Protein backbone atom coordinates (compact mmCIF):
# COMPACT_ATOMS: atom_id res chain seq x y z
CA UNK A 1 0.01 0.02 0.00
CA UNK A 2 1.38 3.40 -1.00
CA UNK A 3 -1.47 5.72 0.01
CA UNK A 4 -4.90 5.94 1.69
CA UNK A 5 -7.85 7.81 0.31
CA UNK A 6 -9.94 9.74 2.80
CA UNK A 7 -13.00 11.90 2.19
CA UNK A 8 -13.14 15.42 3.70
CA UNK A 9 -16.53 16.94 2.78
CA UNK A 10 -16.48 17.36 -1.00
CA UNK A 11 -12.78 16.63 -1.24
CA UNK A 12 -10.96 13.29 -1.62
CA UNK A 13 -7.54 13.42 0.00
CA UNK A 14 -4.67 11.06 -0.84
CA UNK A 15 -2.55 10.36 2.21
CA UNK A 16 0.81 8.74 1.48
CA UNK A 17 1.95 6.02 3.86
CA UNK A 18 5.04 8.13 4.68
CA UNK A 19 2.76 10.86 6.17
CA UNK A 20 0.90 8.57 8.55
CA UNK A 21 1.79 8.61 12.24
CA UNK A 22 -0.74 6.03 13.32
CA UNK A 23 -4.09 4.31 12.65
CA UNK A 24 -6.66 4.00 15.43
CA UNK A 25 -10.02 2.25 15.42
CA UNK A 26 -12.90 4.60 16.07
CA UNK A 27 -16.33 2.83 16.20
CA UNK A 28 -17.08 1.66 12.65
CA UNK A 29 -14.26 3.85 11.20
CA UNK A 30 -10.47 4.07 11.51
CA UNK A 31 -8.72 7.32 12.19
CA UNK A 32 -5.72 8.03 10.01
CA UNK A 33 -3.51 10.44 11.87
CA UNK A 34 -0.76 12.54 10.22
CA UNK A 35 1.36 15.31 11.72
CA UNK A 36 -1.21 17.99 10.94
CA UNK A 37 -4.50 16.21 10.28
CA UNK A 38 -6.86 13.42 11.20
CA UNK A 39 -9.11 11.63 8.72
CA UNK A 40 -11.68 8.89 8.99
CA UNK A 41 -11.75 5.93 6.65
CA UNK A 42 -14.02 2.90 6.39
CA UNK A 43 -11.35 0.29 6.59
CA UNK A 44 -10.71 -1.96 9.57
CA UNK A 45 -7.53 -2.26 11.58
CA UNK A 46 -7.05 -5.93 10.63
CA UNK A 47 -7.34 -5.07 6.91
CA UNK A 48 -4.86 -2.21 7.29
CA UNK A 49 -2.45 -4.35 9.24
CA UNK A 50 -2.30 -6.90 6.40
CA UNK A 51 -1.78 -4.11 3.80
CA UNK A 52 1.02 -2.06 5.39
CA UNK A 53 4.74 -2.90 5.69
CA UNK A 54 5.16 -4.86 8.96
CA UNK A 55 8.71 -3.56 9.35
CA UNK A 56 7.40 0.06 9.54
CA UNK A 57 3.91 -0.31 11.07
CA UNK A 58 3.58 -2.12 14.35
CA UNK A 59 0.39 -2.98 16.15
CA UNK A 60 0.70 -1.69 19.74
CA UNK A 61 -2.87 -2.19 20.83
CA UNK A 62 -5.84 -4.08 19.47
CA UNK A 63 -7.12 -0.75 18.16
CA UNK A 64 -3.85 1.01 17.25
CA UNK A 65 -1.14 0.59 14.58
CA UNK A 66 1.80 3.03 14.78
CA UNK A 67 4.36 4.04 12.15
CA UNK A 68 7.57 3.18 13.97
CA UNK A 69 9.35 6.07 12.12
CA UNK A 70 6.97 8.49 13.94
CA UNK A 71 7.88 7.18 17.41
CA UNK A 72 10.29 9.25 19.51
CA UNK A 73 10.28 6.94 22.53
CA UNK A 74 8.41 4.73 24.98
CA UNK A 75 7.67 5.63 28.57
CA UNK A 76 5.71 4.25 31.53
CA UNK A 77 2.74 6.12 32.92
CA UNK A 78 2.00 6.57 36.64
CA UNK A 79 0.35 3.11 36.70
CA UNK A 80 3.32 1.39 35.05
CA UNK A 81 1.76 0.90 31.62
CA UNK A 82 3.82 1.60 28.46
CA UNK A 83 2.93 4.62 26.37
CA UNK A 84 4.38 5.49 22.97
CA UNK A 85 5.51 9.09 22.49
CA UNK A 86 5.38 10.51 18.98
CA UNK A 87 7.92 12.85 17.37
CA UNK A 88 5.47 15.34 15.86
CA UNK A 89 2.31 14.99 17.93
CA UNK A 90 1.53 15.75 21.57
CA UNK A 91 -0.62 12.70 22.41
CA UNK A 92 0.80 9.42 23.65
CA UNK A 93 -0.56 6.01 22.63
CA UNK A 94 -1.36 3.17 24.98
CA UNK A 95 0.51 -0.09 24.52
CA UNK A 96 -1.22 -3.29 25.59
CA UNK A 97 0.67 -6.07 27.33
CA UNK A 98 0.11 -8.31 24.35
CA UNK A 99 2.20 -6.04 22.11
CA UNK A 100 4.68 -4.60 24.66
CA UNK A 101 7.45 -7.14 23.89
CA UNK A 102 8.20 -5.52 20.52
CA UNK A 103 8.68 -2.09 22.01
CA UNK A 104 10.91 -3.42 24.82
CA UNK A 105 13.33 -4.66 22.11
CA UNK A 106 13.83 -1.15 20.69
């Protein structure tokens, strides 16, 4: 997969895979998050996971796939759970225990 198409009102936007920071499930949609924008698409996390490069995109939670190139680091929150910090965005992403082993190897 080289790009994602997302609809914004009357406009169809092409988002290249290089722009994507992460994908996150959001009810019946998936949020595609870039440095400066969020878009909703009608494609499931499982479908996206099989379409993206597994060396660049890692599943860190059942509802989240992160572009490893967008990650600045991993930290523990006050409860001891892992959180992914992103280079160009302020939010942090939860890491489930099931997927934590990959991030510990970084």
